[in-house]
Amino acid sequence: MTDDSVSRLHTVSAELQRAAKLGDHATPTLIAVSKTHDADTIRPLLEAGHRVFGENRVQEAAAKWPALCDAYAGVELHLIGQLQSNKAADAVALFDVIHTVDRPSLIAALAEAMDKSGKRPACFLQVNIGEEEQKGGCAIAEAPAMLAEARAAGLPIIGLMAIPPHGVDAAPYFALLAKMARELGLEKLSMGMSEDYEVAAMLGASHVRVGSALFGARG
């Protein structure tokens, strides 16, 4: 596992750099999605110098990351899964970046938690770019109002995040998200996963969220 994940890290990093250069963009930050993986699986990437990781669930992250963060300086932890409003305070305490701000109740809960703790993780506004009922994210048409509400509440919104529909060409969805970000004056784009990170890098992603391409497919 050690050699495999580190080798994949080098491969993915090189592919991201090449794809970003083709699109005349900066190379995106590679978020290694470590959800469902234990500390022993994660440690080889930390030993190799990688420091940016993504988790889906607050509870799972809280169980494994504090000890890893103590052992390895400079870890940057990203919450990339849906966040329940009642977990907002825990998320603010644990994570450096939150990618899934998508509704007024969560904005209010995060703002309260940030005001109480004094810690203000960077945030992405999640957009339901494929207009899929089962997915999180605000509607495309609601994004400007949601952004205004988040900013009014004091959330440091740095960009947009989206997950395109599965099994179709992601490029049009990434292009649409990039256009929305430009129109809203946002610089960052959290888009692209294991199956489409090169396309995302070519179209201007600032952050890609890659799990199985690094850690291997989960059984």
Protein backbone atom coordinates (compact mmCIF):
# COMPACT_ATOMS: atom_id res chain seq x y z
CA MET A 1 0.00 0.00 0.00
CA THR A 2 2.81 2.38 0.91
CA ASP A 3 4.55 2.26 -2.45
CA ASP A 4 1.25 2.13 -4.36
CA SER A 5 -0.33 5.24 -2.86
CA VAL A 6 2.87 7.29 -3.04
CA SER A 7 3.44 6.22 -6.63
CA ARG A 8 -0.14 7.19 -7.49
CA LEU A 9 0.37 10.53 -5.76
CA HIS A 10 3.29 11.32 -8.06
CA THR A 11 1.33 10.18 -11.12
CA VAL A 12 -1.79 12.21 -10.29
CA SER A 13 0.30 15.28 -9.42
CA ALA A 14 2.14 15.10 -12.75
CA GLU A 15 -1.12 14.65 -14.68
CA LEU A 16 -2.68 17.64 -12.91
CA GLN A 17 0.31 19.81 -13.72
CA ARG A 18 0.23 18.79 -17.39
CA ALA A 19 -3.54 19.28 -17.75
CA ALA A 20 -3.50 22.68 -16.05
CA LYS A 21 -0.68 23.82 -18.33
CA LEU A 22 -2.70 22.76 -21.38
CA GLY A 23 -5.55 24.97 -20.24
CA ASP A 24 -3.16 27.79 -19.28
CA HIS A 25 -4.15 27.58 -15.61
CA ALA A 26 -2.25 27.19 -12.36
CA THR A 27 -1.91 23.62 -11.10
CA PRO A 28 -4.80 22.90 -8.69
CA THR A 29 -4.37 21.88 -5.09
CA LEU A 30 -4.71 18.11 -4.80
CA ILE A 31 -7.03 17.13 -1.96
CA ALA A 32 -6.38 13.49 -1.08
CA VAL A 33 -9.81 12.16 -0.10
CA SER A 34 -9.09 9.94 2.88
CA LYS A 35 -12.68 9.15 3.89
CA THR A 36 -13.14 5.53 5.04
CA HIS A 37 -9.36 5.06 5.18
CA ASP A 38 -7.58 4.56 8.49
CA ALA A 39 -4.48 6.29 9.79
CA ASP A 40 -2.16 3.49 8.61
CA THR A 41 -3.40 3.93 5.04
CA ILE A 42 -3.07 7.72 5.17
CA ARG A 43 0.35 7.85 6.80
CA PRO A 44 2.42 6.93 3.69
CA LEU A 45 1.15 10.04 1.90
CA LEU A 46 1.96 12.16 4.95
CA GLU A 47 5.44 10.62 5.07
CA ALA A 48 5.83 11.53 1.39
CA GLY A 49 5.11 15.15 2.25
CA HIS A 50 1.49 15.50 1.16
CA ARG A 51 -0.50 17.68 3.56
CA VAL A 52 -3.95 18.39 2.04
CA PHE A 53 -6.69 15.86 2.83
CA GLY A 54 -10.46 15.67 2.48
CA GLU A 55 -13.07 13.97 4.64
CA ASN A 56 -16.81 13.47 4.18
CA ARG A 57 -17.94 13.16 7.78
CA VAL A 58 -17.11 15.27 10.80
CA GLN A 59 -17.27 12.33 13.22
CA GLU A 60 -14.93 10.14 11.19
CA ALA A 61 -12.43 12.97 10.77
CA ALA A 62 -12.53 13.77 14.49
CA ALA A 63 -11.65 10.17 15.31
CA LYS A 64 -8.43 10.00 13.28
CA TRP A 65 -7.09 13.43 12.35
CA PRO A 66 -6.20 15.15 15.65
CA ALA A 67 -3.50 12.55 16.35
CA LEU A 68 -2.23 12.70 12.76
CA CYS A 69 -2.14 16.50 12.86
CA ASP A 70 -0.09 16.33 16.04
CA ALA A 71 2.37 13.95 14.38
CA TYR A 72 2.66 15.79 11.05
CA ALA A 73 2.88 19.58 11.00
CA GLY A 74 1.07 21.62 8.38
CA VAL A 75 -1.91 19.38 7.62
CA GLU A 76 -4.78 21.18 5.87
CA LEU A 77 -8.11 19.44 6.37
CA HIS A 78 -11.04 19.94 3.97
CA LEU A 79 -14.66 18.94 4.64
CA ILE A 80 -16.05 17.82 1.29
CA GLY A 81 -19.21 15.97 2.40
CA GLN A 82 -22.66 17.30 3.24
CA LEU A 83 -22.72 19.06 6.60
CA GLN A 84 -25.63 18.95 9.03
CA SER A 85 -26.27 22.25 10.76
CA ASN A 86 -25.98 20.61 14.20
CA LYS A 87 -22.38 19.59 13.36
CA ALA A 88 -21.35 23.11 12.31
CA ALA A 89 -19.44 23.90 15.50
CA ASP A 90 -17.48 20.64 15.32
CA ALA A 91 -16.70 21.26 11.64
CA VAL A 92 -15.45 24.79 12.31
CA ALA A 93 -13.20 23.50 15.10
CA LEU A 94 -11.70 20.68 13.05
CA PHE A 95 -11.51 21.78 9.41
CA ASP A 96 -9.50 24.44 7.62
CA VAL A 97 -11.81 24.57 4.59
CA ILE A 98 -15.51 23.68 4.20
CA HIS A 99 -16.67 22.91 0.63
CA THR A 100 -20.40 22.31 1.08
CA VAL A 101 -22.13 25.53 2.15
CA ASP A 102 -25.48 25.27 0.39
CA ARG A 103 -28.46 26.54 2.43
CA PRO A 104 -29.50 29.36 4.75
CA SER A 105 -29.76 27.19 7.89
CA LEU A 106 -26.17 26.00 7.46
CA ILE A 107 -24.94 29.53 6.79
CA ALA A 108 -26.52 30.66 10.06
CA ALA A 109 -25.09 27.71 12.02
CA LEU A 110 -21.58 28.20 10.60
CA ALA A 111 -21.67 31.94 11.24
CA GLU A 112 -22.66 31.36 14.87
CA ALA A 113 -19.92 28.75 15.32
CA MET A 114 -17.29 31.01 13.76
CA ASP A 115 -18.33 33.98 15.87
CA LYS A 116 -18.17 31.90 19.06
CA SER A 117 -14.84 30.22 18.31
CA GLY A 118 -13.06 33.04 16.51
CA LYS A 119 -11.92 30.48 13.92
CA ARG A 120 -13.04 31.18 10.35
CA PRO A 121 -12.39 28.30 7.93
CA ALA A 122 -12.45 29.25 4.26
CA CYS A 123 -15.70 28.17 2.59
CA PHE A 124 -16.95 27.16 -0.83
CA LEU A 125 -20.55 27.64 -1.90
CA GLN A 126 -21.78 24.32 -3.30
CA VAL A 127 -23.87 24.54 -6.46
CA ASN A 128 -26.12 21.72 -7.68
CA ILE A 129 -24.67 22.11 -11.16
CA GLY A 130 -26.58 19.19 -12.71
CA GLU A 131 -29.86 20.12 -11.02
CA GLU A 132 -30.12 16.63 -9.51
CA GLU A 133 -32.71 16.16 -6.76
CA GLN A 134 -30.59 13.78 -4.70
CA LYS A 135 -27.51 16.01 -4.59
CA GLY A 136 -26.60 18.79 -2.21
CA GLY A 137 -25.91 22.29 -3.39
CA CYS A 138 -27.98 25.38 -4.00
CA ALA A 139 -29.83 25.83 -7.28
CA ILE A 140 -27.88 27.62 -10.01
CA ALA A 141 -30.35 30.52 -10.04
CA GLU A 142 -30.08 30.90 -6.25
CA ALA A 143 -26.28 31.11 -6.11
CA PRO A 144 -26.00 34.94 -6.20
CA ALA A 145 -28.50 35.36 -3.35
CA MET A 146 -26.90 32.53 -1.34
CA LEU A 147 -23.47 34.11 -1.77
CA ALA A 148 -24.79 37.49 -0.62
CA GLU A 149 -26.41 35.86 2.42
CA ALA A 150 -23.21 33.99 3.31
CA ARG A 151 -21.11 37.13 3.00
CA ALA A 152 -23.58 39.14 5.07
CA ALA A 153 -23.27 36.49 7.79
CA GLY A 154 -19.48 36.84 7.74
CA LEU A 155 -18.58 33.54 6.07
CA PRO A 156 -15.30 33.75 4.13
CA ILE A 157 -16.57 32.38 0.79
CA ILE A 158 -13.60 31.87 -1.55
CA GLY A 159 -15.17 29.98 -4.45
CA LEU A 160 -17.72 27.53 -5.85
CA MET A 161 -17.85 23.75 -5.54
CA ALA A 162 -19.83 21.24 -7.61
CA ILE A 163 -20.17 17.55 -8.43
CA PRO A 164 -21.36 16.98 -12.02
CA PRO A 165 -23.82 14.17 -12.84
CA HIS A 166 -22.18 10.75 -12.86
CA GLY A 167 -21.43 9.00 -16.12
CA VAL A 168 -21.62 11.98 -18.48
CA ASP A 169 -19.04 14.39 -19.87
CA ALA A 170 -18.10 16.66 -16.97
CA ALA A 171 -16.56 19.41 -19.13
CA PRO A 172 -19.75 21.45 -19.78
CA TYR A 173 -20.58 21.43 -16.08
CA PHE A 174 -17.07 22.51 -15.10
CA ALA A 175 -17.18 25.25 -17.72
CA LEU A 176 -20.52 26.47 -16.37
CA LEU A 177 -19.21 26.53 -12.79
CA ALA A 178 -16.14 28.50 -13.94
CA LYS A 179 -18.41 31.00 -15.72
CA MET A 180 -20.58 31.39 -12.61
CA ALA A 181 -17.50 31.99 -10.44
CA ARG A 182 -16.25 34.70 -12.80
CA GLU A 183 -19.63 36.41 -12.79
CA LEU A 184 -19.77 36.28 -8.98
CA GLY A 185 -16.21 37.54 -8.60
CA LEU A 186 -14.95 34.32 -6.95
CA GLU A 187 -11.46 33.02 -7.67
CA LYS A 188 -11.55 29.40 -6.52
CA LEU A 189 -13.18 26.32 -8.06
CA SER A 190 -13.48 23.02 -6.19
CA MET A 191 -14.27 20.58 -8.98
CA GLY A 192 -12.97 17.30 -10.32
CA MET A 193 -12.64 13.86 -8.73
CA SER A 194 -10.81 10.63 -9.57
CA GLU A 195 -12.54 10.07 -12.90
CA ASP A 196 -12.32 13.63 -14.24
CA TYR A 197 -9.60 15.58 -12.42
CA GLU A 198 -7.59 16.19 -15.59
CA VAL A 199 -10.59 17.79 -17.32
CA ALA A 200 -11.19 19.90 -14.22
CA ALA A 201 -7.56 21.05 -14.13
CA MET A 202 -7.71 21.97 -17.81
CA LEU A 203 -10.83 24.08 -17.17
CA GLY A 204 -9.43 26.01 -14.23
CA ALA A 205 -10.04 24.03 -11.03
CA SER A 206 -8.21 25.45 -8.03
CA HIS A 207 -8.89 22.30 -5.96
CA VAL A 208 -9.54 18.71 -7.06
CA ARG A 209 -10.86 16.02 -4.71
CA VAL A 210 -9.20 12.69 -5.50
CA GLY A 211 -9.73 9.48 -3.53
CA SER A 212 -9.67 6.15 -5.38
CA ALA A 213 -7.03 7.30 -7.90
CA LEU A 214 -4.70 7.68 -4.91
CA PHE A 215 -5.80 5.05 -2.40
CA GLY A 216 -7.20 2.47 -4.81
CA ALA A 217 -10.81 1.40 -5.18
CA ARG A 218 -12.57 0.53 -1.95
CA GLY A 219 -13.91 -2.96 -1.69
